[in-house]
Amino acid sequence: MIQLPKALLWDHNAHYHSWLLRQLPPRSARVLDVGCGTGAFARGLAERAEHVDAVDVSPEMIERARRGSARNVSWLCGDVLDLPLDASGYDAVTAISSLHHMPLRPALTRLADLLRPGGTLAVVGHYRKQTPTDFALDAVTLPANAAVGAYKAARGRAGKPHDEGMPVKDPANTLLEIRTAAADILPGATVSRRLFWRYTLLWRKTGS
Protein backbone atom coordinates (compact mmCIF):
# COMPACT_ATOMS: atom_id res chain seq x y z
CA MET A 1 0.00 0.00 0.00
CA ILE A 2 1.33 3.44 -0.96
CA GLN A 3 1.88 5.54 2.16
CA LEU A 4 0.26 8.97 2.26
CA PRO A 5 2.16 11.95 3.70
CA LYS A 6 1.81 11.99 7.47
CA ALA A 7 -0.47 15.03 7.33
CA LEU A 8 -3.01 13.09 5.24
CA LEU A 9 -3.12 9.86 7.23
CA TRP A 10 -6.50 8.90 8.70
CA ASP A 11 -8.12 6.07 10.63
CA HIS A 12 -9.49 3.45 8.21
CA ASN A 13 -10.83 1.29 11.01
CA ALA A 14 -12.90 4.12 12.48
CA HIS A 15 -14.42 4.61 9.02
CA TYR A 16 -16.21 1.27 9.49
CA HIS A 17 -17.43 1.82 13.06
CA SER A 18 -20.80 3.08 11.86
CA TRP A 19 -21.24 0.03 9.60
CA LEU A 20 -20.55 -2.29 12.52
CA LEU A 21 -23.00 -0.51 14.80
CA ARG A 22 -25.74 -0.71 12.17
CA GLN A 23 -25.44 -4.52 12.16
CA LEU A 24 -26.08 -4.78 15.90
CA PRO A 25 -29.33 -4.44 17.85
CA PRO A 26 -29.96 -1.05 19.51
CA ARG A 27 -29.60 -2.68 22.93
CA SER A 28 -27.73 -5.83 23.98
CA ALA A 29 -27.08 -7.51 27.30
CA ARG A 30 -23.48 -8.55 26.67
CA VAL A 31 -21.10 -7.86 23.77
CA LEU A 32 -17.53 -9.00 23.04
CA ASP A 33 -15.04 -6.81 21.13
CA VAL A 34 -12.04 -8.82 19.92
CA GLY A 35 -8.81 -6.91 19.36
CA CYS A 36 -10.06 -3.78 21.07
CA GLY A 37 -6.81 -1.81 20.79
CA THR A 38 -7.09 1.42 22.76
CA GLY A 39 -10.82 0.85 23.21
CA ALA A 40 -12.44 3.51 21.02
CA PHE A 41 -15.01 1.16 19.49
CA ALA A 42 -15.60 -0.76 22.73
CA ARG A 43 -16.58 2.49 24.42
CA GLY A 44 -19.08 3.10 21.62
CA LEU A 45 -20.48 -0.38 22.14
CA ALA A 46 -20.80 0.34 25.86
CA GLU A 47 -23.43 2.98 25.09
CA ARG A 48 -25.64 0.25 23.57
CA ALA A 49 -24.92 -2.74 25.82
CA GLU A 50 -25.32 -3.54 29.47
CA HIS A 51 -21.78 -4.88 29.48
CA VAL A 52 -18.85 -5.16 27.06
CA ASP A 53 -15.89 -7.52 27.34
CA ALA A 54 -13.03 -5.93 25.38
CA VAL A 55 -10.09 -8.23 24.63
CA ASP A 56 -6.64 -7.52 23.26
CA VAL A 57 -3.48 -9.61 23.28
CA SER A 58 -1.29 -6.50 23.79
CA PRO A 59 -0.74 -5.41 27.42
CA GLU A 60 0.17 -1.93 26.16
CA MET A 61 -3.13 -1.56 24.30
CA ILE A 62 -5.15 -2.75 27.29
CA GLU A 63 -3.30 -0.38 29.60
CA ARG A 64 -4.09 2.54 27.30
CA ALA A 65 -7.70 1.42 26.94
CA ARG A 66 -8.17 1.38 30.71
CA ARG A 67 -7.35 5.10 30.86
CA GLY A 68 -10.63 5.91 29.11
CA SER A 69 -13.90 6.12 30.98
CA ALA A 70 -16.39 3.28 30.52
CA ARG A 71 -17.89 1.84 33.68
CA ASN A 72 -19.53 -1.13 31.94
CA VAL A 73 -16.45 -2.40 30.05
CA SER A 74 -14.12 -5.15 31.26
CA TRP A 75 -10.66 -4.74 29.66
CA LEU A 76 -9.17 -8.23 29.27
CA CYS A 77 -5.61 -8.94 28.19
CA GLY A 78 -5.09 -12.27 26.46
CA ASP A 79 -5.66 -14.42 23.42
CA VAL A 80 -9.37 -14.84 22.66
CA LEU A 81 -8.68 -18.39 21.44
CA ASP A 82 -7.99 -19.60 24.97
CA LEU A 83 -8.99 -16.76 27.31
CA PRO A 84 -11.73 -17.76 29.78
CA LEU A 85 -14.79 -15.72 28.79
CA ASP A 86 -18.45 -15.52 29.77
CA ALA A 87 -19.77 -19.09 29.58
CA SER A 88 -23.29 -17.84 28.85
CA GLY A 89 -22.15 -16.34 25.56
CA TYR A 90 -22.64 -12.96 23.89
CA ASP A 91 -25.42 -11.25 21.99
CA ALA A 92 -22.83 -9.84 19.59
CA VAL A 93 -19.15 -10.32 18.80
CA THR A 94 -17.17 -7.70 16.88
CA ALA A 95 -13.63 -7.75 15.51
CA ILE A 96 -11.88 -4.84 13.79
CA SER A 97 -8.56 -5.54 12.05
CA SER A 98 -7.82 -8.37 14.47
CA LEU A 99 -8.89 -11.59 12.77
CA HIS A 100 -5.74 -11.70 10.59
CA HIS A 101 -3.62 -11.86 13.76
CA MET A 102 -5.08 -15.32 14.48
CA PRO A 103 -5.32 -18.62 12.59
CA LEU A 104 -8.43 -18.11 10.47
CA ARG A 105 -10.48 -21.27 10.95
CA PRO A 106 -9.84 -21.70 14.69
CA ALA A 107 -10.66 -18.02 15.18
CA LEU A 108 -13.96 -18.19 13.26
CA THR A 109 -14.91 -21.34 15.15
CA ARG A 110 -14.13 -19.75 18.50
CA LEU A 111 -16.07 -16.55 17.75
CA ALA A 112 -19.05 -18.58 16.54
CA ASP A 113 -18.98 -20.66 19.73
CA LEU A 114 -18.98 -17.51 21.86
CA LEU A 115 -22.22 -16.25 20.31
CA ARG A 116 -25.60 -16.95 21.82
CA PRO A 117 -28.30 -18.26 19.44
CA GLY A 118 -29.68 -15.29 17.56
CA GLY A 119 -26.45 -13.35 18.09
CA THR A 120 -24.47 -11.42 15.50
CA LEU A 121 -20.84 -11.71 14.45
CA ALA A 122 -19.60 -8.59 12.64
CA VAL A 123 -16.01 -8.37 11.38
CA VAL A 124 -13.97 -5.75 9.57
CA GLY A 125 -10.78 -7.43 8.40
CA HIS A 126 -7.76 -7.43 6.11
CA TYR A 127 -7.07 -9.88 3.29
CA ARG A 128 -3.98 -10.71 1.25
CA LYS A 129 -4.16 -9.39 -2.28
CA GLN A 130 -3.75 -12.13 -4.88
CA THR A 131 -6.17 -11.82 -7.82
CA PRO A 132 -6.21 -9.27 -10.67
CA THR A 133 -9.39 -7.81 -9.13
CA ASP A 134 -7.60 -7.29 -5.82
CA PHE A 135 -4.85 -5.25 -7.47
CA ALA A 136 -7.17 -3.47 -9.91
CA LEU A 137 -9.19 -2.13 -6.99
CA ASP A 138 -6.16 0.00 -6.04
CA ALA A 139 -7.00 2.19 -9.04
CA VAL A 140 -10.07 3.31 -7.07
CA THR A 141 -8.83 2.89 -3.51
CA LEU A 142 -5.58 4.84 -3.76
CA PRO A 143 -7.08 8.12 -5.03
CA ALA A 144 -10.08 7.72 -2.68
CA ASN A 145 -7.70 7.21 0.24
CA ALA A 146 -5.82 10.40 -0.63
CA ALA A 147 -9.04 12.37 -1.17
CA VAL A 148 -10.47 11.35 2.20
CA GLY A 149 -7.16 12.17 3.88
CA ALA A 150 -7.11 15.63 2.30
CA TYR A 151 -10.74 16.24 3.25
CA LYS A 152 -10.12 15.28 6.87
CA ALA A 153 -6.88 17.26 7.04
CA ALA A 154 -8.66 20.40 5.78
CA ARG A 155 -11.12 20.04 8.67
CA GLY A 156 -8.52 19.19 11.29
CA ARG A 157 -9.69 15.59 11.58
CA ALA A 158 -6.77 13.71 10.02
CA GLY A 159 -4.29 11.58 11.90
CA LYS A 160 -4.24 8.10 13.42
CA PRO A 161 -4.13 8.78 17.17
CA HIS A 162 -4.79 5.16 18.19
CA ASP A 163 -2.09 3.52 16.07
CA GLU A 164 1.01 4.21 18.16
CA GLY A 165 2.34 0.95 19.58
CA MET A 166 -0.43 -1.12 18.02
CA PRO A 167 0.77 -4.56 16.84
CA VAL A 168 0.93 -4.83 13.03
CA LYS A 169 0.81 -8.01 10.95
CA ASP A 170 0.35 -8.60 7.23
CA PRO A 171 -2.72 -10.69 6.38
CA ALA A 172 -1.98 -14.29 5.37
CA ASN A 173 -5.36 -15.26 3.92
CA THR A 174 -6.82 -14.26 0.57
CA LEU A 175 -10.42 -13.13 0.21
CA LEU A 176 -11.25 -16.49 -1.38
CA GLU A 177 -9.78 -18.36 1.58
CA ILE A 178 -11.77 -16.19 3.98
CA ARG A 179 -14.99 -16.76 2.04
CA THR A 180 -14.35 -20.50 1.89
CA ALA A 181 -13.68 -20.74 5.63
CA ALA A 182 -16.76 -18.66 6.41
CA ALA A 183 -18.95 -20.85 4.21
CA ASP A 184 -17.68 -23.96 6.03
CA ILE A 185 -17.90 -22.62 9.58
CA LEU A 186 -20.57 -19.90 9.45
CA PRO A 187 -23.42 -21.07 7.20
CA GLY A 188 -25.10 -18.11 5.56
CA ALA A 189 -22.35 -15.62 6.39
CA THR A 190 -21.87 -12.67 4.03
CA VAL A 191 -18.30 -11.67 3.16
CA SER A 192 -17.99 -8.45 1.14
CA ARG A 193 -14.99 -6.71 -0.38
CA ARG A 194 -14.70 -3.10 0.80
CA LEU A 195 -12.66 -0.03 -0.02
CA PHE A 196 -9.51 0.84 1.91
CA TRP A 197 -8.06 -2.68 1.89
CA ARG A 198 -10.79 -4.19 4.04
CA TYR A 199 -13.55 -6.79 3.88
CA THR A 200 -16.60 -7.18 6.08
CA LEU A 201 -18.08 -10.41 7.40
CA LEU A 202 -21.58 -10.62 8.84
CA TRP A 203 -23.21 -13.70 10.37
CA ARG A 204 -26.35 -14.29 12.41
CA LYS A 205 -26.29 -17.41 14.55
CA THR A 206 -29.45 -19.46 14.29
CA GLY A 207 -30.90 -21.81 16.89
CA SER A 208 -32.55 -21.41 20.24
C-alpha atoms as a PDB file:
ATOM      1  CA  MET A   1       0.000   0.000   0.000  1.00  0.00           C
ATOM      2  CA  ILE A   2       1.332   3.441  -0.956  1.00  0.00           C
ATOM      3  CA  GLN A   3       1.876   5.539   2.158  1.00  0.00           C
ATOM      4  CA  LEU A   4       0.265   8.973   2.265  1.00  0.00           C
ATOM      5  CA  PRO A   5       2.157  11.951   3.698  1.00  0.00           C
ATOM      6  CA  LYS A   6       1.806  11.989   7.467  1.00  0.00           C
ATOM      7  CA  ALA A   7      -0.474  15.033   7.334  1.00  0.00           C
ATOM      8  CA  LEU A   8      -3.009  13.094   5.237  1.00  0.00           C
ATOM      9  CA  LEU A   9      -3.124   9.857   7.233  1.00  0.00           C
ATOM     10  CA  TRP A  10      -6.501   8.904   8.699  1.00  0.00           C
ATOM     11  CA  ASP A  11      -8.121   6.070  10.635  1.00  0.00           C
ATOM     12  CA  HIS A  12      -9.487   3.453   8.213  1.00  0.00           C
ATOM     13  CA  ASN A  13     -10.833   1.290  11.014  1.00  0.00           C
ATOM     14  CA  ALA A  14     -12.902   4.125  12.482  1.00  0.00           C
ATOM     15  CA  HIS A  15     -14.420   4.607   9.017  1.00  0.00           C
ATOM     16  CA  TYR A  16     -16.212   1.271   9.489  1.00  0.00           C
ATOM     17  CA  HIS A  17     -17.433   1.823  13.059  1.00  0.00           C
ATOM     18  CA  SER A  18     -20.797   3.077  11.861  1.00  0.00           C
ATOM     19  CA  TRP A  19     -21.242   0.028   9.602  1.00  0.00           C
ATOM     20  CA  LEU A  20     -20.551  -2.286  12.519  1.00  0.00           C
ATOM     21  CA  LEU A  21     -22.999  -0.513  14.798  1.00  0.00           C
ATOM     22  CA  ARG A  22     -25.735  -0.707  12.167  1.00  0.00           C
ATOM     23  CA  GLN A  23     -25.439  -4.515  12.161  1.00  0.00           C
ATOM     24  CA  LEU A  24     -26.084  -4.781  15.896  1.00  0.00           C
ATOM     25  CA  PRO A  25     -29.327  -4.442  17.851  1.00  0.00           C
ATOM     26  CA  PRO A  26     -29.962  -1.052  19.510  1.00  0.00           C
ATOM     27  CA  ARG A  27     -29.602  -2.682  22.930  1.00  0.00           C
ATOM     28  CA  SER A  28     -27.730  -5.831  23.982  1.00  0.00           C
ATOM     29  CA  ALA A  29     -27.083  -7.514  27.299  1.00  0.00           C
ATOM     30  CA  ARG A  30     -23.484  -8.554  26.666  1.00  0.00           C
ATOM     31  CA  VAL A  31     -21.100  -7.860  23.767  1.00  0.00           C
ATOM     32  CA  LEU A  32     -17.534  -8.997  23.036  1.00  0.00           C
ATOM     33  CA  ASP A  33     -15.044  -6.811  21.134  1.00  0.00           C
ATOM     34  CA  VAL A  34     -12.043  -8.819  19.916  1.00  0.00           C
ATOM     35  CA  GLY A  35      -8.807  -6.915  19.357  1.00  0.00           C
ATOM     36  CA  CYS A  36     -10.063  -3.780  21.071  1.00  0.00           C
ATOM     37  CA  GLY A  37      -6.806  -1.805  20.791  1.00  0.00           C
ATOM     38  CA  THR A  38      -7.088   1.417  22.760  1.00  0.00           C
ATOM     39  CA  GLY A  39     -10.824   0.852  23.212  1.00  0.00           C
ATOM     40  CA  ALA A  40     -12.440   3.513  21.018  1.00  0.00           C
ATOM     41  CA  PHE A  41     -15.007   1.156  19.488  1.00  0.00           C
ATOM     42  CA  ALA A  42     -15.595  -0.763  22.731  1.00  0.00           C
ATOM     43  CA  ARG A  43     -16.583   2.486  24.423  1.00  0.00           C
ATOM     44  CA  GLY A  44     -19.076   3.099  21.624  1.00  0.00           C
ATOM     45  CA  LEU A  45     -20.478  -0.377  22.142  1.00  0.00           C
ATOM     46  CA  ALA A  46     -20.801   0.343  25.855  1.00  0.00           C
ATOM     47  CA  GLU A  47     -23.435   2.981  25.089  1.00  0.00           C
ATOM     48  CA  ARG A  48     -25.645   0.253  23.566  1.00  0.00           C
ATOM     49  CA  ALA A  49     -24.920  -2.736  25.816  1.00  0.00           C
ATOM     50  CA  GLU A  50     -25.325  -3.538  29.472  1.00  0.00           C
ATOM     51  CA  HIS A  51     -21.775  -4.883  29.482  1.00  0.00           C
ATOM     52  CA  VAL A  52     -18.850  -5.159  27.064  1.00  0.00           C
ATOM     53  CA  ASP A  53     -15.893  -7.516  27.340  1.00  0.00           C
ATOM     54  CA  ALA A  54     -13.035  -5.928  25.376  1.00  0.00           C
ATOM     55  CA  VAL A  55     -10.093  -8.231  24.632  1.00  0.00           C
ATOM     56  CA  ASP A  56      -6.642  -7.523  23.260  1.00  0.00           C
ATOM     57  CA  VAL A  57      -3.483  -9.610  23.284  1.00  0.00           C
ATOM     58  CA  SER A  58      -1.294  -6.500  23.789  1.00  0.00           C
ATOM     59  CA  PRO A  59      -0.741  -5.409  27.415  1.00  0.00           C
ATOM     60  CA  GLU A  60       0.170  -1.930  26.162  1.00  0.00           C
ATOM     61  CA  MET A  61      -3.131  -1.556  24.299  1.00  0.00           C
ATOM     62  CA  ILE A  62      -5.150  -2.745  27.292  1.00  0.00           C
ATOM     63  CA  GLU A  63      -3.302  -0.376  29.599  1.00  0.00           C
ATOM     64  CA  ARG A  64      -4.088   2.542  27.298  1.00  0.00           C
ATOM     65  CA  ALA A  65      -7.704   1.422  26.943  1.00  0.00           C
ATOM     66  CA  ARG A  66      -8.171   1.382  30.711  1.00  0.00           C
ATOM     67  CA  ARG A  67      -7.349   5.096  30.865  1.00  0.00           C
ATOM     68  CA  GLY A  68     -10.626   5.909  29.109  1.00  0.00           C
ATOM     69  CA  SER A  69     -13.895   6.116  30.980  1.00  0.00           C
ATOM     70  CA  ALA A  70     -16.386   3.285  30.518  1.00  0.00           C
ATOM     71  CA  ARG A  71     -17.890   1.845  33.675  1.00  0.00           C
ATOM     72  CA  ASN A  72     -19.530  -1.135  31.936  1.00  0.00           C
ATOM     73  CA  VAL A  73     -16.452  -2.403  30.047  1.00  0.00           C
ATOM     74  CA  SER A  74     -14.118  -5.153  31.262  1.00  0.00           C
ATOM     75  CA  TRP A  75     -10.665  -4.738  29.663  1.00  0.00           C
ATOM     76  CA  LEU A  76      -9.173  -8.225  29.270  1.00  0.00           C
ATOM     77  CA  CYS A  77      -5.606  -8.936  28.190  1.00  0.00           C
ATOM     78  CA  GLY A  78      -5.089 -12.270  26.461  1.00  0.00           C
ATOM     79  CA  ASP A  79      -5.665 -14.425  23.416  1.00  0.00           C
ATOM     80  CA  VAL A  80      -9.367 -14.841  22.663  1.00  0.00           C
ATOM     81  CA  LEU A  81      -8.685 -18.388  21.439  1.00  0.00           C
ATOM     82  CA  ASP A  82      -7.990 -19.597  24.971  1.00  0.00           C
ATOM     83  CA  LEU A  83      -8.991 -16.756  27.306  1.00  0.00           C
ATOM     84  CA  PRO A  84     -11.734 -17.759  29.780  1.00  0.00           C
ATOM     85  CA  LEU A  85     -14.785 -15.722  28.786  1.00  0.00           C
ATOM     86  CA  ASP A  86     -18.450 -15.520  29.772  1.00  0.00           C
ATOM     87  CA  ALA A  87     -19.769 -19.091  29.583  1.00  0.00           C
ATOM     88  CA  SER A  88     -23.294 -17.839  28.854  1.00  0.00           C
ATOM     89  CA  GLY A  89     -22.151 -16.344  25.556  1.00  0.00           C
ATOM     90  CA  TYR A  90     -22.642 -12.963  23.892  1.00  0.00           C
ATOM     91  CA  ASP A  91     -25.418 -11.247  21.987  1.00  0.00           C
ATOM     92  CA  ALA A  92     -22.833  -9.840  19.587  1.00  0.00           C
ATOM     93  CA  VAL A  93     -19.155 -10.316  18.804  1.00  0.00           C
ATOM     94  CA  THR A  94     -17.171  -7.703  16.881  1.00  0.00           C
ATOM     95  CA  ALA A  95     -13.632  -7.754  15.512  1.00  0.00           C
ATOM     96  CA  ILE A  96     -11.885  -4.842  13.788  1.00  0.00           C
ATOM     97  CA  SER A  97      -8.563  -5.539  12.054  1.00  0.00           C
ATOM     98  CA  SER A  98      -7.821  -8.368  14.475  1.00  0.00           C
ATOM     99  CA  LEU A  99      -8.886 -11.594  12.770  1.00  0.00           C
ATOM    100  CA  HIS A 100      -5.743 -11.705  10.593  1.00  0.00           C
ATOM    101  CA  HIS A 101      -3.623 -11.862  13.761  1.00  0.00           C
ATOM    102  CA  MET A 102      -5.083 -15.325  14.477  1.00  0.00           C
ATOM    103  CA  PRO A 103      -5.318 -18.624  12.591  1.00  0.00           C
ATOM    104  CA  LEU A 104      -8.431 -18.105  10.469  1.00  0.00           C
ATOM    105  CA  ARG A 105     -10.475 -21.268  10.950  1.00  0.00           C
ATOM    106  CA  PRO A 106      -9.844 -21.703  14.694  1.00  0.00           C
ATOM    107  CA  ALA A 107     -10.663 -18.017  15.185  1.00  0.00           C
ATOM    108  CA  LEU A 108     -13.955 -18.186  13.263  1.00  0.00           C
ATOM    109  CA  THR A 109     -14.908 -21.341  15.153  1.00  0.00           C
ATOM    110  CA  ARG A 110     -14.126 -19.748  18.502  1.00  0.00           C
ATOM    111  CA  LEU A 111     -16.069 -16.552  17.751  1.00  0.00           C
ATOM    112  CA  ALA A 112     -19.053 -18.577  16.538  1.00  0.00           C
ATOM    113  CA  ASP A 113     -18.984 -20.662  19.733  1.00  0.00           C
ATOM    114  CA  LEU A 114     -18.977 -17.506  21.862  1.00  0.00           C
ATOM    115  CA  LEU A 115     -22.217 -16.246  20.310  1.00  0.00           C
ATOM    116  CA  ARG A 116     -25.599 -16.950  21.820  1.00  0.00           C
ATOM    117  CA  PRO A 117     -28.297 -18.264  19.439  1.00  0.00           C
ATOM    118  CA  GLY A 118     -29.685 -15.288  17.561  1.00  0.00           C
ATOM    119  CA  GLY A 119     -26.450 -13.353  18.095  1.00  0.00           C
ATOM    120  CA  THR A 120     -24.475 -11.423  15.497  1.00  0.00           C
ATOM    121  CA  LEU A 121     -20.840 -11.711  14.450  1.00  0.00           C
ATOM    122  CA  ALA A 122     -19.600  -8.587  12.644  1.00  0.00           C
ATOM    123  CA  VAL A 123     -16.014  -8.368  11.384  1.00  0.00           C
ATOM    124  CA  VAL A 124     -13.969  -5.755   9.572  1.00  0.00           C
ATOM    125  CA  GLY A 125     -10.784  -7.427   8.404  1.00  0.00           C
ATOM    126  CA  HIS A 126      -7.764  -7.434   6.113  1.00  0.00           C
ATOM    127  CA  TYR A 127      -7.070  -9.881   3.287  1.00  0.00           C
ATOM    128  CA  ARG A 128      -3.983 -10.713   1.252  1.00  0.00           C
ATOM    129  CA  LYS A 129      -4.164  -9.394  -2.284  1.00  0.00           C
ATOM    130  CA  GLN A 130      -3.753 -12.126  -4.880  1.00  0.00           C
ATOM    131  CA  THR A 131      -6.172 -11.820  -7.816  1.00  0.00           C
ATOM    132  CA  PRO A 132      -6.213  -9.266 -10.668  1.00  0.00           C
ATOM    133  CA  THR A 133      -9.387  -7.809  -9.129  1.00  0.00           C
ATOM    134  CA  ASP A 134      -7.602  -7.291  -5.821  1.00  0.00           C
ATOM    135  CA  PHE A 135      -4.853  -5.249  -7.467  1.00  0.00           C
ATOM    136  CA  ALA A 136      -7.172  -3.472  -9.912  1.00  0.00           C
ATOM    137  CA  LEU A 137      -9.188  -2.126  -6.990  1.00  0.00           C
ATOM    138  CA  ASP A 138      -6.165  -0.005  -6.044  1.00  0.00           C
ATOM    139  CA  ALA A 139      -7.002   2.188  -9.036  1.00  0.00           C
ATOM    140  CA  VAL A 140     -10.068   3.305  -7.070  1.00  0.00           C
ATOM    141  CA  THR A 141      -8.833   2.885  -3.513  1.00  0.00           C
ATOM    142  CA  LEU A 142      -5.580   4.841  -3.756  1.00  0.00           C
ATOM    143  CA  PRO A 143      -7.081   8.124  -5.026  1.00  0.00           C
ATOM    144  CA  ALA A 144     -10.084   7.715  -2.679  1.00  0.00           C
ATOM    145  CA  ASN A 145      -7.701   7.212   0.236  1.00  0.00           C
ATOM    146  CA  ALA A 146      -5.817  10.405  -0.632  1.00  0.00           C
ATOM    147  CA  ALA A 147      -9.038  12.367  -1.166  1.00  0.00           C
ATOM    148  CA  VAL A 148     -10.469  11.355   2.203  1.00  0.00           C
ATOM    149  CA  GLY A 149      -7.157  12.174   3.884  1.00  0.00           C
ATOM    150  CA  ALA A 150      -7.107  15.630   2.296  1.00  0.00           C
ATOM    151  CA  TYR A 151     -10.743  16.239   3.255  1.00  0.00           C
ATOM    152  CA  LYS A 152     -10.120  15.281   6.873  1.00  0.00           C
ATOM    153  CA  ALA A 153      -6.879  17.265   7.039  1.00  0.00           C
ATOM    154  CA  ALA A 154      -8.658  20.398   5.775  1.00  0.00           C
ATOM    155  CA  ARG A 155     -11.117  20.038   8.675  1.00  0.00           C
ATOM    156  CA  GLY A 156      -8.520  19.192  11.292  1.00  0.00           C
ATOM    157  CA  ARG A 157      -9.689  15.593  11.578  1.00  0.00           C
ATOM    158  CA  ALA A 158      -6.771  13.708  10.015  1.00  0.00           C
ATOM    159  CA  GLY A 159      -4.288  11.576  11.899  1.00  0.00           C
ATOM    160  CA  LYS A 160      -4.241   8.098  13.423  1.00  0.00           C
ATOM    161  CA  PRO A 161      -4.126   8.781  17.167  1.00  0.00           C
ATOM    162  CA  HIS A 162      -4.790   5.157  18.194  1.00  0.00           C
ATOM    163  CA  ASP A 163      -2.087   3.524  16.070  1.00  0.00           C
ATOM    164  CA  GLU A 164       1.013   4.215  18.155  1.00  0.00           C
ATOM    165  CA  GLY A 165       2.339   0.948  19.583  1.00  0.00           C
ATOM    166  CA  MET A 166      -0.427  -1.119  18.025  1.00  0.00           C
ATOM    167  CA  PRO A 167       0.768  -4.558  16.835  1.00  0.00           C
ATOM    168  CA  VAL A 168       0.929  -4.828  13.031  1.00  0.00           C
ATOM    169  CA  LYS A 169       0.806  -8.009  10.950  1.00  0.00           C
ATOM    170  CA  ASP A 170       0.351  -8.599   7.232  1.00  0.00           C
ATOM    171  CA  PRO A 171      -2.721 -10.689   6.377  1.00  0.00           C
ATOM    172  CA  ALA A 172      -1.976 -14.288   5.372  1.00  0.00           C
ATOM    173  CA  ASN A 173      -5.361 -15.261   3.922  1.00  0.00           C
ATOM    174  CA  THR A 174      -6.822 -14.262   0.575  1.00  0.00           C
ATOM    175  CA  LEU A 175     -10.417 -13.135   0.214  1.00  0.00           C
ATOM    176  CA  LEU A 176     -11.249 -16.489  -1.380  1.00  0.00           C
ATOM    177  CA  GLU A 177      -9.777 -18.361   1.585  1.00  0.00           C
ATOM    178  CA  ILE A 178     -11.773 -16.193   3.983  1.00  0.00           C
ATOM    179  CA  ARG A 179     -14.989 -16.762   2.043  1.00  0.00           C
ATOM    180  CA  THR A 180     -14.353 -20.504   1.892  1.00  0.00           C
ATOM    181  CA  ALA A 181     -13.682 -20.738   5.628  1.00  0.00           C
ATOM    182  CA  ALA A 182     -16.762 -18.659   6.407  1.00  0.00           C
ATOM    183  CA  ALA A 183     -18.949 -20.854   4.213  1.00  0.00           C
ATOM    184  CA  ASP A 184     -17.680 -23.959   6.025  1.00  0.00           C
ATOM    185  CA  ILE A 185     -17.897 -22.623   9.578  1.00  0.00           C
ATOM    186  CA  LEU A 186     -20.568 -19.901   9.447  1.00  0.00           C
ATOM    187  CA  PRO A 187     -23.422 -21.068   7.201  1.00  0.00           C
ATOM    188  CA  GLY A 188     -25.102 -18.105   5.555  1.00  0.00           C
ATOM    189  CA  ALA A 189     -22.352 -15.615   6.393  1.00  0.00           C
ATOM    190  CA  THR A 190     -21.866 -12.670   4.031  1.00  0.00           C
ATOM    191  CA  VAL A 191     -18.302 -11.674   3.157  1.00  0.00           C
ATOM    192  CA  SER A 192     -17.994  -8.447   1.144  1.00  0.00           C
ATOM    193  CA  ARG A 193     -14.989  -6.715  -0.384  1.00  0.00           C
ATOM    194  CA  ARG A 194     -14.702  -3.104   0.802  1.00  0.00           C
ATOM    195  CA  LEU A 195     -12.657  -0.035  -0.018  1.00  0.00           C
ATOM    196  CA  PHE A 196      -9.510   0.843   1.909  1.00  0.00           C
ATOM    197  CA  TRP A 197      -8.064  -2.683   1.894  1.00  0.00           C
ATOM    198  CA  ARG A 198     -10.787  -4.188   4.041  1.00  0.00           C
ATOM    199  CA  TYR A 199     -13.547  -6.788   3.883  1.00  0.00           C
ATOM    200  CA  THR A 200     -16.598  -7.175   6.083  1.00  0.00           C
ATOM    201  CA  LEU A 201     -18.082 -10.410   7.401  1.00  0.00           C
ATOM    202  CA  LEU A 202     -21.581 -10.619   8.836  1.00  0.00           C
ATOM    203  CA  TRP A 203     -23.209 -13.699  10.367  1.00  0.00           C
ATOM    204  CA  ARG A 204     -26.347 -14.293  12.413  1.00  0.00           C
ATOM    205  CA  LYS A 205     -26.293 -17.413  14.550  1.00  0.00           C
ATOM    206  CA  THR A 206     -29.453 -19.459  14.292  1.00  0.00           C
ATOM    207  CA  GLY A 207     -30.904 -21.814  16.890  1.00  0.00           C
ATOM    208  CA  SER A 208     -32.548 -21.408  20.239  1.00  0.00           C
END
